[in-house]
């Protein structure tokens, strides 16, 4: 199959490295910490993130990015969104000239408002035709124990997008292809913010009606922003839209939902960060998403309230009151949402 580099060895990066190895590729995983690389090579497990998961014996790890990237046909990047630019600056000269770079990251860069694929092209000079994103309802823990899952691989170059599914198809992981990179990335980024809101509601003891309200209206504001930025609204009815939104909002494995629950139970942002332990991308991205919406004259009330809570401008109770006090409006998703959902369902048959 292919030679694959995965940067880096967090839970999602390690899981995707496992998927690629199970699919028959030669995979090298870059880890910052020597003890993690040594454990993967010697004992075939990641003691920091997936200690009880048996990794393929063929999966190799290294602390040297040059070694990991040497000869790679696919370069898969899975690091916190806000660290991407700095890391890519040092990695860019090492990426092979013909490699396809694949982003697993679901966030928006603060200050610039750029999506992850945009940062990749800006920093590396790699054309967008060789940059892909993987997005969908992909809770790392479930995939790591080889439970059934599916995802979307999006690339503006349809031919390039089609080379990736064969490289990561396994009995438990099913990839689909798309060309709507904008929609896939926005769906993945905004759902983290909505999951924070779901966690807040759960932490406060609110019921399923409130959570359903947040999920459906969260999908509405995601779709509005996506359409304004050029995404296909049908994307938000699929795996990288409502699929990812549901998994992240419903599962106790979700970092963003867990972070929101901590806030709803009375923790400060600093306490919730320590208790969650791993990166909850929505915490850093919510303000960037809100700024992006404001620049494009898009109303995103849930994102606005979550950003205010994270920034300390609103208490949790004030946030709930603010959302429920909004003036009633017609239910709209920016386009005919029922038609979108029906069309998406019939396309996937």
C-alpha atoms as a PDB file:
ATOM      1  CA  UNK A   1       0.000   0.000   0.000  1.00  0.00           C
ATOM      2  CA  UNK A   2       1.363   3.447   0.949  1.00  0.00           C
ATOM      3  CA  UNK A   3       3.948   4.907   3.247  1.00  0.00           C
ATOM      4  CA  UNK A   4       2.162   7.079   5.804  1.00  0.00           C
ATOM      5  CA  UNK A   5       3.408   9.574   8.384  1.00  0.00           C
ATOM      6  CA  UNK A   6       1.141  10.515  11.296  1.00  0.00           C
ATOM      7  CA  UNK A   7       1.909  13.650  13.296  1.00  0.00           C
ATOM      8  CA  UNK A   8       1.393  13.206  16.317  1.00  0.00           C
ATOM      9  CA  UNK A   9       0.743  10.551  19.005  1.00  0.00           C
ATOM     10  CA  UNK A  10      -2.315  11.857  20.865  1.00  0.00           C
ATOM     11  CA  UNK A  11      -5.432   9.696  21.108  1.00  0.00           C
ATOM     12  CA  UNK A  12      -6.834  10.582  17.652  1.00  0.00           C
ATOM     13  CA  UNK A  13      -3.469  10.549  15.908  1.00  0.00           C
ATOM     14  CA  UNK A  14      -2.579   7.176  17.416  1.00  0.00           C
ATOM     15  CA  UNK A  15      -5.999   5.799  16.516  1.00  0.00           C
ATOM     16  CA  UNK A  16      -5.714   6.950  12.908  1.00  0.00           C
ATOM     17  CA  UNK A  17      -2.206   5.485  12.719  1.00  0.00           C
ATOM     18  CA  UNK A  18      -3.712   2.191  13.874  1.00  0.00           C
ATOM     19  CA  UNK A  19      -6.417   2.399  11.194  1.00  0.00           C
ATOM     20  CA  UNK A  20      -3.847   3.065   8.470  1.00  0.00           C
ATOM     21  CA  UNK A  21      -1.677   0.165   9.671  1.00  0.00           C
ATOM     22  CA  UNK A  22      -4.675  -2.181   9.846  1.00  0.00           C
ATOM     23  CA  UNK A  23      -5.443  -1.189   6.238  1.00  0.00           C
ATOM     24  CA  UNK A  24      -2.009  -2.477   5.203  1.00  0.00           C
ATOM     25  CA  UNK A  25       0.051   0.701   4.992  1.00  0.00           C
ATOM     26  CA  UNK A  26       3.572   1.239   6.282  1.00  0.00           C
ATOM     27  CA  UNK A  27       2.968   3.745   9.082  1.00  0.00           C
ATOM     28  CA  UNK A  28       5.372   5.823  11.142  1.00  0.00           C
ATOM     29  CA  UNK A  29       3.933   7.803  14.051  1.00  0.00           C
ATOM     30  CA  UNK A  30       5.698  10.904  15.321  1.00  0.00           C
ATOM     31  CA  UNK A  31       5.658  11.304  19.120  1.00  0.00           C
ATOM     32  CA  UNK A  32       7.145  14.236  21.010  1.00  0.00           C
ATOM     33  CA  UNK A  33       7.894  12.164  24.109  1.00  0.00           C
ATOM     34  CA  UNK A  34      10.527   9.402  23.885  1.00  0.00           C
ATOM     35  CA  UNK A  35       8.744   7.230  26.437  1.00  0.00           C
ATOM     36  CA  UNK A  36       5.644   7.100  24.226  1.00  0.00           C
ATOM     37  CA  UNK A  37       7.643   6.238  21.099  1.00  0.00           C
ATOM     38  CA  UNK A  38       9.536   3.529  23.008  1.00  0.00           C
ATOM     39  CA  UNK A  39       6.339   2.016  24.421  1.00  0.00           C
ATOM     40  CA  UNK A  40       4.715   1.884  20.981  1.00  0.00           C
ATOM     41  CA  UNK A  41       7.784   0.218  19.455  1.00  0.00           C
ATOM     42  CA  UNK A  42       8.477  -2.189  22.311  1.00  0.00           C
ATOM     43  CA  UNK A  43       5.066  -2.965  23.801  1.00  0.00           C
ATOM     44  CA  UNK A  44       2.645  -1.862  21.043  1.00  0.00           C
ATOM     45  CA  UNK A  45       0.560   0.480  23.151  1.00  0.00           C
ATOM     46  CA  UNK A  46       0.394   4.196  23.907  1.00  0.00           C
ATOM     47  CA  UNK A  47       0.654   4.494  27.703  1.00  0.00           C
ATOM     48  CA  UNK A  48      -0.378   8.161  27.826  1.00  0.00           C
ATOM     49  CA  UNK A  49      -3.522   8.130  25.682  1.00  0.00           C
ATOM     50  CA  UNK A  50      -4.637   4.550  24.892  1.00  0.00           C
ATOM     51  CA  UNK A  51      -2.917   2.400  27.517  1.00  0.00           C
ATOM     52  CA  UNK A  52      -5.180  -0.630  27.183  1.00  0.00           C
ATOM     53  CA  UNK A  53      -5.398  -0.694  23.373  1.00  0.00           C
ATOM     54  CA  UNK A  54      -3.220  -3.174  21.472  1.00  0.00           C
ATOM     55  CA  UNK A  55      -1.619  -1.421  18.502  1.00  0.00           C
ATOM     56  CA  UNK A  56      -0.459  -3.265  15.366  1.00  0.00           C
ATOM     57  CA  UNK A  57       3.048  -4.662  15.654  1.00  0.00           C
ATOM     58  CA  UNK A  58       3.816  -3.108  12.261  1.00  0.00           C
ATOM     59  CA  UNK A  59       3.203   0.432  13.580  1.00  0.00           C
ATOM     60  CA  UNK A  60       6.471   2.241  14.269  1.00  0.00           C
ATOM     61  CA  UNK A  61       7.008   5.418  16.278  1.00  0.00           C
ATOM     62  CA  UNK A  62       9.805   7.973  16.333  1.00  0.00           C
ATOM     63  CA  UNK A  63      10.577  11.316  17.960  1.00  0.00           C
ATOM     64  CA  UNK A  64      12.312  12.500  14.782  1.00  0.00           C
ATOM     65  CA  UNK A  65       9.905  14.250  12.369  1.00  0.00           C
ATOM     66  CA  UNK A  66      12.404  13.848   9.521  1.00  0.00           C
ATOM     67  CA  UNK A  67      12.378  10.078   9.967  1.00  0.00           C
ATOM     68  CA  UNK A  68       8.578   9.999  10.149  1.00  0.00           C
ATOM     69  CA  UNK A  69       8.116  12.086   6.991  1.00  0.00           C
ATOM     70  CA  UNK A  70      10.808  10.493   4.847  1.00  0.00           C
ATOM     71  CA  UNK A  71       9.157   9.034   1.737  1.00  0.00           C
ATOM     72  CA  UNK A  72       5.591   9.486   2.996  1.00  0.00           C
ATOM     73  CA  UNK A  73       2.840   9.498   0.373  1.00  0.00           C
ATOM     74  CA  UNK A  74       0.268  10.633   2.942  1.00  0.00           C
ATOM     75  CA  UNK A  75       1.045  12.970   5.829  1.00  0.00           C
ATOM     76  CA  UNK A  76      -1.681  12.921   8.474  1.00  0.00           C
ATOM     77  CA  UNK A  77      -1.638  15.796  10.958  1.00  0.00           C
ATOM     78  CA  UNK A  78      -3.423  15.528  14.316  1.00  0.00           C
ATOM     79  CA  UNK A  79      -2.326  18.186  16.803  1.00  0.00           C
ATOM     80  CA  UNK A  80      -4.205  20.923  18.712  1.00  0.00           C
ATOM     81  CA  UNK A  81      -5.489  23.449  16.190  1.00  0.00           C
ATOM     82  CA  UNK A  82      -3.842  26.455  17.803  1.00  0.00           C
ATOM     83  CA  UNK A  83      -0.381  24.827  17.592  1.00  0.00           C
ATOM     84  CA  UNK A  84      -0.624  23.914  13.902  1.00  0.00           C
ATOM     85  CA  UNK A  85       1.049  26.998  12.432  1.00  0.00           C
ATOM     86  CA  UNK A  86       4.138  26.831  14.669  1.00  0.00           C
ATOM     87  CA  UNK A  87       4.638  23.094  14.154  1.00  0.00           C
ATOM     88  CA  UNK A  88       4.093  23.257  10.397  1.00  0.00           C
ATOM     89  CA  UNK A  89       6.712  25.963  10.078  1.00  0.00           C
ATOM     90  CA  UNK A  90       9.360  23.479  11.217  1.00  0.00           C
ATOM     91  CA  UNK A  91       7.847  20.445   9.480  1.00  0.00           C
ATOM     92  CA  UNK A  92       7.160  22.009   6.063  1.00  0.00           C
ATOM     93  CA  UNK A  93      10.679  21.545   4.596  1.00  0.00           C
ATOM     94  CA  UNK A  94      10.520  17.847   5.497  1.00  0.00           C
ATOM     95  CA  UNK A  95       7.232  17.043   3.724  1.00  0.00           C
ATOM     96  CA  UNK A  96       7.832  15.138   0.444  1.00  0.00           C
ATOM     97  CA  UNK A  97       7.051  17.153  -2.692  1.00  0.00           C
ATOM     98  CA  UNK A  98       4.257  14.863  -3.902  1.00  0.00           C
ATOM     99  CA  UNK A  99       2.673  13.981  -0.542  1.00  0.00           C
ATOM    100  CA  UNK A 100      -0.999  14.533   0.218  1.00  0.00           C
ATOM    101  CA  UNK A 101      -1.393  16.271   3.583  1.00  0.00           C
ATOM    102  CA  UNK A 102      -4.442  15.173   5.563  1.00  0.00           C
ATOM    103  CA  UNK A 103      -5.883  17.188   8.461  1.00  0.00           C
ATOM    104  CA  UNK A 104      -7.667  15.464  11.338  1.00  0.00           C
ATOM    105  CA  UNK A 105      -8.029  18.748  13.230  1.00  0.00           C
ATOM    106  CA  UNK A 106     -11.352  20.396  14.028  1.00  0.00           C
ATOM    107  CA  UNK A 107     -10.813  24.016  14.922  1.00  0.00           C
ATOM    108  CA  UNK A 108     -10.484  27.585  13.680  1.00  0.00           C
ATOM    109  CA  UNK A 109      -7.270  29.517  14.256  1.00  0.00           C
ATOM    110  CA  UNK A 110      -7.608  32.421  16.667  1.00  0.00           C
ATOM    111  CA  UNK A 111      -6.720  35.874  15.303  1.00  0.00           C
ATOM    112  CA  UNK A 112      -6.793  34.785  11.636  1.00  0.00           C
ATOM    113  CA  UNK A 113     -10.098  32.869  11.495  1.00  0.00           C
ATOM    114  CA  UNK A 114      -8.490  30.358   9.125  1.00  0.00           C
ATOM    115  CA  UNK A 115      -9.532  26.757   8.781  1.00  0.00           C
ATOM    116  CA  UNK A 116      -6.858  24.089   9.222  1.00  0.00           C
ATOM    117  CA  UNK A 117      -6.547  23.327   5.501  1.00  0.00           C
ATOM    118  CA  UNK A 118      -6.016  27.030   4.827  1.00  0.00           C
ATOM    119  CA  UNK A 119      -3.178  27.155   7.351  1.00  0.00           C
ATOM    120  CA  UNK A 120      -1.585  24.102   5.733  1.00  0.00           C
ATOM    121  CA  UNK A 121      -1.590  25.678   2.288  1.00  0.00           C
ATOM    122  CA  UNK A 122      -0.433  29.055   3.611  1.00  0.00           C
ATOM    123  CA  UNK A 123       2.485  27.739   5.663  1.00  0.00           C
ATOM    124  CA  UNK A 124       3.709  24.909   3.440  1.00  0.00           C
ATOM    125  CA  UNK A 125       2.914  26.281  -0.019  1.00  0.00           C
ATOM    126  CA  UNK A 126       1.244  22.962  -0.871  1.00  0.00           C
ATOM    127  CA  UNK A 127      -1.683  23.565  -3.258  1.00  0.00           C
ATOM    128  CA  UNK A 128      -5.177  22.932  -1.959  1.00  0.00           C
ATOM    129  CA  UNK A 129      -5.515  20.077  -4.456  1.00  0.00           C
ATOM    130  CA  UNK A 130      -3.077  18.097  -2.275  1.00  0.00           C
ATOM    131  CA  UNK A 131      -4.671  18.929   1.077  1.00  0.00           C
ATOM    132  CA  UNK A 132      -7.495  16.777   2.429  1.00  0.00           C
ATOM    133  CA  UNK A 133      -9.524  16.684   5.632  1.00  0.00           C
ATOM    134  CA  UNK A 134     -11.053  13.770   7.484  1.00  0.00           C
ATOM    135  CA  UNK A 135     -14.163  14.599   9.465  1.00  0.00           C
ATOM    136  CA  UNK A 136     -17.099  12.735  10.901  1.00  0.00           C
ATOM    137  CA  UNK A 137     -18.509  11.088  14.042  1.00  0.00           C
ATOM    138  CA  UNK A 138     -15.103   9.733  15.029  1.00  0.00           C
ATOM    139  CA  UNK A 139     -14.738   9.333  18.788  1.00  0.00           C
ATOM    140  CA  UNK A 140     -11.181   8.078  19.026  1.00  0.00           C
ATOM    141  CA  UNK A 141     -11.778   5.651  21.866  1.00  0.00           C
ATOM    142  CA  UNK A 142     -14.490   3.725  20.006  1.00  0.00           C
ATOM    143  CA  UNK A 143     -12.418   3.428  16.839  1.00  0.00           C
ATOM    144  CA  UNK A 144      -9.328   2.468  18.848  1.00  0.00           C
ATOM    145  CA  UNK A 145     -11.147  -0.635  20.103  1.00  0.00           C
ATOM    146  CA  UNK A 146     -12.239  -1.236  16.510  1.00  0.00           C
ATOM    147  CA  UNK A 147     -15.924  -0.425  16.838  1.00  0.00           C
ATOM    148  CA  UNK A 148     -17.738   0.429  13.602  1.00  0.00           C
ATOM    149  CA  UNK A 149     -17.357   4.011  12.360  1.00  0.00           C
ATOM    150  CA  UNK A 150     -17.437   6.047   9.164  1.00  0.00           C
ATOM    151  CA  UNK A 151     -15.943   9.338   8.105  1.00  0.00           C
ATOM    152  CA  UNK A 152     -15.731  11.764   5.192  1.00  0.00           C
ATOM    153  CA  UNK A 153     -12.502  12.450   3.313  1.00  0.00           C
ATOM    154  CA  UNK A 154     -12.825  15.832   1.611  1.00  0.00           C
ATOM    155  CA  UNK A 155     -10.472  17.323  -0.957  1.00  0.00           C
ATOM    156  CA  UNK A 156     -11.089  19.887  -3.685  1.00  0.00           C
ATOM    157  CA  UNK A 157      -9.357  17.492  -6.072  1.00  0.00           C
ATOM    158  CA  UNK A 158     -11.826  14.635  -6.409  1.00  0.00           C
ATOM    159  CA  UNK A 159      -9.181  12.279  -7.834  1.00  0.00           C
ATOM    160  CA  UNK A 160      -6.921  12.910  -4.848  1.00  0.00           C
ATOM    161  CA  UNK A 161      -9.806  12.355  -2.447  1.00  0.00           C
ATOM    162  CA  UNK A 162     -10.476   8.963  -4.018  1.00  0.00           C
ATOM    163  CA  UNK A 163      -6.925   7.731  -3.425  1.00  0.00           C
ATOM    164  CA  UNK A 164      -7.358   7.957   0.339  1.00  0.00           C
ATOM    165  CA  UNK A 165     -10.322   5.630   1.055  1.00  0.00           C
ATOM    166  CA  UNK A 166      -8.455   2.538  -0.107  1.00  0.00           C
ATOM    167  CA  UNK A 167      -5.593   3.539   2.163  1.00  0.00           C
ATOM    168  CA  UNK A 168      -7.776   3.615   5.298  1.00  0.00           C
ATOM    169  CA  UNK A 169     -10.604   1.153   4.576  1.00  0.00           C
ATOM    170  CA  UNK A 170     -10.848  -1.556   7.227  1.00  0.00           C
ATOM    171  CA  UNK A 171     -13.648  -3.869   8.416  1.00  0.00           C
ATOM    172  CA  UNK A 172     -14.479  -1.341  11.156  1.00  0.00           C
ATOM    173  CA  UNK A 173     -13.702   2.007   9.462  1.00  0.00           C
ATOM    174  CA  UNK A 174     -15.614   3.090   6.348  1.00  0.00           C
ATOM    175  CA  UNK A 175     -14.533   6.257   4.495  1.00  0.00           C
ATOM    176  CA  UNK A 176     -16.695   8.323   2.136  1.00  0.00           C
ATOM    177  CA  UNK A 177     -15.420  11.025  -0.223  1.00  0.00           C
ATOM    178  CA  UNK A 178     -16.441  14.637  -0.825  1.00  0.00           C
ATOM    179  CA  UNK A 179     -15.112  17.833  -2.358  1.00  0.00           C
ATOM    180  CA  UNK A 180     -16.695  20.273   0.123  1.00  0.00           C
ATOM    181  CA  UNK A 181     -13.673  20.992   2.304  1.00  0.00           C
ATOM    182  CA  UNK A 182     -15.247  24.180   3.683  1.00  0.00           C
ATOM    183  CA  UNK A 183     -18.389  22.411   4.880  1.00  0.00           C
ATOM    184  CA  UNK A 184     -16.527  19.473   6.391  1.00  0.00           C
ATOM    185  CA  UNK A 185     -14.158  21.718   8.323  1.00  0.00           C
ATOM    186  CA  UNK A 186     -16.842  24.095   9.580  1.00  0.00           C
ATOM    187  CA  UNK A 187     -19.070  21.232  10.666  1.00  0.00           C
ATOM    188  CA  UNK A 188     -16.190  19.742  12.635  1.00  0.00           C
ATOM    189  CA  UNK A 189     -15.206  23.041  14.239  1.00  0.00           C
ATOM    190  CA  UNK A 190     -18.619  24.419  15.213  1.00  0.00           C
ATOM    191  CA  UNK A 191     -19.922  21.125  16.611  1.00  0.00           C
ATOM    192  CA  UNK A 192     -17.299  21.406  19.351  1.00  0.00           C
ATOM    193  CA  UNK A 193     -18.842  24.687  20.471  1.00  0.00           C
ATOM    194  CA  UNK A 194     -22.348  23.222  20.421  1.00  0.00           C
ATOM    195  CA  UNK A 195     -21.069  20.268  22.465  1.00  0.00           C
ATOM    196  CA  UNK A 196     -19.772  22.734  25.064  1.00  0.00           C
ATOM    197  CA  UNK A 197     -23.303  24.154  25.241  1.00  0.00           C
ATOM    198  CA  UNK A 198     -24.751  20.655  25.604  1.00  0.00           C
ATOM    199  CA  UNK A 199     -22.320  19.985  28.418  1.00  0.00           C
ATOM    200  CA  UNK A 200     -23.293  23.227  30.144  1.00  0.00           C
ATOM    201  CA  UNK A 201     -26.942  22.209  29.950  1.00  0.00           C
ATOM    202  CA  UNK A 202     -26.221  18.737  31.305  1.00  0.00           C
ATOM    203  CA  UNK A 203     -24.046  20.062  34.110  1.00  0.00           C
ATOM    204  CA  UNK A 204     -26.872  22.399  35.160  1.00  0.00           C
ATOM    205  CA  UNK A 205     -29.313  19.490  35.244  1.00  0.00           C
ATOM    206  CA  UNK A 206     -31.349  20.547  32.210  1.00  0.00           C
ATOM    207  CA  UNK A 207     -33.225  17.818  30.360  1.00  0.00           C
ATOM    208  CA  UNK A 208     -33.275  16.283  26.911  1.00  0.00           C
ATOM    209  CA  UNK A 209     -35.654  18.899  25.520  1.00  0.00           C
ATOM    210  CA  UNK A 210     -33.079  21.602  26.186  1.00  0.00           C
ATOM    211  CA  UNK A 211     -30.333  19.493  24.658  1.00  0.00           C
ATOM    212  CA  UNK A 212     -32.420  18.828  21.539  1.00  0.00           C
ATOM    213  CA  UNK A 213     -33.006  22.570  21.270  1.00  0.00           C
ATOM    214  CA  UNK A 214     -29.269  23.262  21.362  1.00  0.00           C
ATOM    215  CA  UNK A 215     -28.416  20.519  18.854  1.00  0.00           C
ATOM    216  CA  UNK A 216     -30.998  21.545  16.272  1.00  0.00           C
ATOM    217  CA  UNK A 217     -30.425  25.274  16.580  1.00  0.00           C
ATOM    218  CA  UNK A 218     -26.688  24.639  16.671  1.00  0.00           C
ATOM    219  CA  UNK A 219     -27.029  22.864  13.346  1.00  0.00           C
ATOM    220  CA  UNK A 220     -28.984  25.861  12.053  1.00  0.00           C
ATOM    221  CA  UNK A 221     -26.256  28.369  12.885  1.00  0.00           C
ATOM    222  CA  UNK A 222     -23.555  26.057  11.530  1.00  0.00           C
ATOM    223  CA  UNK A 223     -25.429  25.816   8.246  1.00  0.00           C
ATOM    224  CA  UNK A 224     -25.891  29.602   8.048  1.00  0.00           C
ATOM    225  CA  UNK A 225     -22.182  30.202   8.459  1.00  0.00           C
ATOM    226  CA  UNK A 226     -21.297  27.435   6.027  1.00  0.00           C
ATOM    227  CA  UNK A 227     -23.549  28.742   3.292  1.00  0.00           C
ATOM    228  CA  UNK A 228     -22.181  32.258   3.692  1.00  0.00           C
ATOM    229  CA  UNK A 229     -18.613  30.931   3.284  1.00  0.00           C
ATOM    230  CA  UNK A 230     -19.402  28.827   0.226  1.00  0.00           C
ATOM    231  CA  UNK A 231     -20.135  25.392   1.675  1.00  0.00           C
ATOM    232  CA  UNK A 232     -22.735  23.035   0.256  1.00  0.00           C
ATOM    233  CA  UNK A 233     -25.643  22.965   2.770  1.00  0.00           C
ATOM    234  CA  UNK A 234     -26.095  19.252   2.028  1.00  0.00           C
ATOM    235  CA  UNK A 235     -22.792  18.637   3.779  1.00  0.00           C
ATOM    236  CA  UNK A 236     -24.345  19.544   7.128  1.00  0.00           C
ATOM    237  CA  UNK A 237     -26.955  16.798   6.732  1.00  0.00           C
ATOM    238  CA  UNK A 238     -24.228  14.166   6.438  1.00  0.00           C
ATOM    239  CA  UNK A 239     -21.526  12.468   8.473  1.00  0.00           C
ATOM    240  CA  UNK A 240     -19.338  15.545   8.893  1.00  0.00           C
ATOM    241  CA  UNK A 241     -22.363  17.659   9.838  1.00  0.00           C
ATOM    242  CA  UNK A 242     -25.213  16.240  11.879  1.00  0.00           C
ATOM    243  CA  UNK A 243     -23.368  12.911  12.297  1.00  0.00           C
ATOM    244  CA  UNK A 244     -20.369  14.496  13.981  1.00  0.00           C
ATOM    245  CA  UNK A 245     -22.611  16.894  15.899  1.00  0.00           C
ATOM    246  CA  UNK A 246     -24.681  14.055  17.345  1.00  0.00           C
ATOM    247  CA  UNK A 247     -21.687  11.939  18.384  1.00  0.00           C
ATOM    248  CA  UNK A 248     -19.891  14.842  20.046  1.00  0.00           C
ATOM    249  CA  UNK A 249     -22.981  16.092  21.864  1.00  0.00           C
ATOM    250  CA  UNK A 250     -24.292  12.682  22.948  1.00  0.00           C
ATOM    251  CA  UNK A 251     -21.211  10.763  24.021  1.00  0.00           C
ATOM    252  CA  UNK A 252     -19.540  10.925  27.457  1.00  0.00           C
ATOM    253  CA  UNK A 253     -16.301  10.303  25.526  1.00  0.00           C
ATOM    254  CA  UNK A 254     -16.553  13.807  24.044  1.00  0.00           C
ATOM    255  CA  UNK A 255     -13.948  16.163  25.500  1.00  0.00           C
ATOM    256  CA  UNK A 256     -15.976  19.257  24.632  1.00  0.00           C
ATOM    257  CA  UNK A 257     -19.178  17.942  26.199  1.00  0.00           C
ATOM    258  CA  UNK A 258     -17.216  16.891  29.284  1.00  0.00           C
ATOM    259  CA  UNK A 259     -15.594  20.332  29.532  1.00  0.00           C
ATOM    260  CA  UNK A 260     -19.021  21.976  29.322  1.00  0.00           C
ATOM    261  CA  UNK A 261     -20.373  19.677  32.034  1.00  0.00           C
ATOM    262  CA  UNK A 262     -17.571  20.755  34.350  1.00  0.00           C
ATOM    263  CA  UNK A 263     -18.496  24.399  33.748  1.00  0.00           C
ATOM    264  CA  UNK A 264     -22.179  23.665  34.280  1.00  0.00           C
ATOM    265  CA  UNK A 265     -21.346  22.038  37.613  1.00  0.00           C
ATOM    266  CA  UNK A 266     -19.635  25.221  38.807  1.00  0.00           C
ATOM    267  CA  UNK A 267     -15.984  24.774  37.839  1.00  0.00           C
ATOM    268  CA  UNK A 268     -13.952  27.652  36.474  1.00  0.00           C
ATOM    269  CA  UNK A 269     -12.436  27.432  32.999  1.00  0.00           C
ATOM    270  CA  UNK A 270      -9.054  26.689  34.574  1.00  0.00           C
ATOM    271  CA  UNK A 271     -10.516  23.922  36.765  1.00  0.00           C
ATOM    272  CA  UNK A 272     -12.421  22.430  33.827  1.00  0.00           C
ATOM    273  CA  UNK A 273      -9.236  22.443  31.741  1.00  0.00           C
ATOM    274  CA  UNK A 274      -7.365  20.514  34.434  1.00  0.00           C
ATOM    275  CA  UNK A 275     -10.231  18.056  34.949  1.00  0.00           C
ATOM    276  CA  UNK A 276     -10.720  17.371  31.218  1.00  0.00           C
ATOM    277  CA  UNK A 277      -6.941  16.794  30.770  1.00  0.00           C
ATOM    278  CA  UNK A 278      -6.994  16.596  26.957  1.00  0.00           C
ATOM    279  CA  UNK A 279      -7.617  19.452  24.510  1.00  0.00           C
ATOM    280  CA  UNK A 280     -11.232  20.549  24.064  1.00  0.00           C
ATOM    281  CA  UNK A 281     -10.934  22.402  20.754  1.00  0.00           C
ATOM    282  CA  UNK A 282     -14.173  24.338  21.164  1.00  0.00           C
ATOM    283  CA  UNK A 283     -12.741  26.284  24.106  1.00  0.00           C
ATOM    284  CA  UNK A 284     -10.078  27.942  21.961  1.00  0.00           C
ATOM    285  CA  UNK A 285     -12.085  28.052  18.724  1.00  0.00           C
ATOM    286  CA  UNK A 286     -15.381  29.536  19.953  1.00  0.00           C
ATOM    287  CA  UNK A 287     -14.202  33.144  19.843  1.00  0.00           C
ATOM    288  CA  UNK A 288     -12.523  32.630  16.450  1.00  0.00           C
ATOM    289  CA  UNK A 289     -15.746  31.151  15.063  1.00  0.00           C
ATOM    290  CA  UNK A 290     -17.772  34.035  16.491  1.00  0.00           C
ATOM    291  CA  UNK A 291     -15.360  36.575  14.973  1.00  0.00           C
ATOM    292  CA  UNK A 292     -15.620  34.790  11.634  1.00  0.00           C
ATOM    293  CA  UNK A 293     -19.420  34.938  11.836  1.00  0.00           C
ATOM    294  CA  UNK A 294     -19.395  38.634  12.687  1.00  0.00           C
ATOM    295  CA  UNK A 295     -17.101  39.454   9.764  1.00  0.00           C
ATOM    296  CA  UNK A 296     -19.545  37.683   7.480  1.00  0.00           C
ATOM    297  CA  UNK A 297     -22.711  39.102   9.100  1.00  0.00           C
ATOM    298  CA  UNK A 298     -23.960  35.709  10.296  1.00  0.00           C
ATOM    299  CA  UNK A 299     -25.960  35.363  13.511  1.00  0.00           C
ATOM    300  CA  UNK A 300     -24.702  32.567  15.815  1.00  0.00           C
ATOM    301  CA  UNK A 301     -26.430  33.009  19.198  1.00  0.00           C
ATOM    302  CA  UNK A 302     -25.306  29.732  20.793  1.00  0.00           C
ATOM    303  CA  UNK A 303     -21.688  30.311  19.802  1.00  0.00           C
ATOM    304  CA  UNK A 304     -21.936  33.880  21.107  1.00  0.00           C
ATOM    305  CA  UNK A 305     -23.178  32.745  24.510  1.00  0.00           C
ATOM    306  CA  UNK A 306     -20.599  29.950  24.826  1.00  0.00           C
ATOM    307  CA  UNK A 307     -17.791  32.355  23.932  1.00  0.00           C
ATOM    308  CA  UNK A 308     -19.033  34.781  26.584  1.00  0.00           C
ATOM    309  CA  UNK A 309     -19.051  32.039  29.232  1.00  0.00           C
ATOM    310  CA  UNK A 310     -15.523  30.913  28.318  1.00  0.00           C
ATOM    311  CA  UNK A 311     -14.350  34.536  28.413  1.00  0.00           C
ATOM    312  CA  UNK A 312     -15.946  35.114  31.812  1.00  0.00           C
ATOM    313  CA  UNK A 313     -18.442  37.697  30.548  1.00  0.00           C
ATOM    314  CA  UNK A 314     -21.493  35.564  31.411  1.00  0.00           C
ATOM    315  CA  UNK A 315     -22.263  33.170  34.231  1.00  0.00           C
ATOM    316  CA  UNK A 316     -23.640  29.757  33.342  1.00  0.00           C
ATOM    317  CA  UNK A 317     -27.115  30.711  34.596  1.00  0.00           C
ATOM    318  CA  UNK A 318     -27.021  33.983  32.686  1.00  0.00           C
ATOM    319  CA  UNK A 319     -26.119  32.028  29.555  1.00  0.00           C
ATOM    320  CA  UNK A 320     -29.204  29.822  29.860  1.00  0.00           C
ATOM    321  CA  UNK A 321     -31.415  32.847  30.508  1.00  0.00           C
ATOM    322  CA  UNK A 322     -29.932  34.719  27.558  1.00  0.00           C
ATOM    323  CA  UNK A 323     -30.705  31.916  25.095  1.00  0.00           C
ATOM    324  CA  UNK A 324     -34.258  31.379  26.335  1.00  0.00           C
ATOM    325  CA  UNK A 325     -35.008  35.117  26.286  1.00  0.00           C
ATOM    326  CA  UNK A 326     -34.376  35.445  22.542  1.00  0.00           C
ATOM    327  CA  UNK A 327     -37.242  36.738  20.410  1.00  0.00           C
ATOM    328  CA  UNK A 328     -39.123  33.864  18.692  1.00  0.00           C
ATOM    329  CA  UNK A 329     -38.410  33.610  14.972  1.00  0.00           C
ATOM    330  CA  UNK A 330     -39.361  31.335  12.074  1.00  0.00           C
ATOM    331  CA  UNK A 331     -37.351  28.107  12.087  1.00  0.00           C
ATOM    332  CA  UNK A 332     -34.928  28.366   9.165  1.00  0.00           C
ATOM    333  CA  UNK A 333     -31.698  26.654   8.323  1.00  0.00           C
ATOM    334  CA  UNK A 334     -30.547  29.076   5.631  1.00  0.00           C
ATOM    335  CA  UNK A 335     -31.993  26.898   2.871  1.00  0.00           C
ATOM    336  CA  UNK A 336     -34.749  24.316   2.715  1.00  0.00           C
ATOM    337  CA  UNK A 337     -33.344  21.983   5.360  1.00  0.00           C
ATOM    338  CA  UNK A 338     -35.893  19.200   4.867  1.00  0.00           C
ATOM    339  CA  UNK A 339     -35.075  19.088   1.169  1.00  0.00           C
ATOM    340  CA  UNK A 340     -31.373  18.978   2.036  1.00  0.00           C
ATOM    341  CA  UNK A 341     -31.829  16.069   4.428  1.00  0.00           C
ATOM    342  CA  UNK A 342     -33.991  14.157   1.961  1.00  0.00           C
ATOM    343  CA  UNK A 343     -31.530  14.706  -0.849  1.00  0.00           C
ATOM    344  CA  UNK A 344     -28.602  13.628   1.327  1.00  0.00           C
ATOM    345  CA  UNK A 345     -30.432  10.469   2.369  1.00  0.00           C
ATOM    346  CA  UNK A 346     -31.324   9.478  -1.185  1.00  0.00           C
ATOM    347  CA  UNK A 347     -27.773  10.141  -2.403  1.00  0.00           C
ATOM    348  CA  UNK A 348     -26.327   7.766   0.166  1.00  0.00           C
ATOM    349  CA  UNK A 349     -28.496   4.785  -0.772  1.00  0.00           C
END
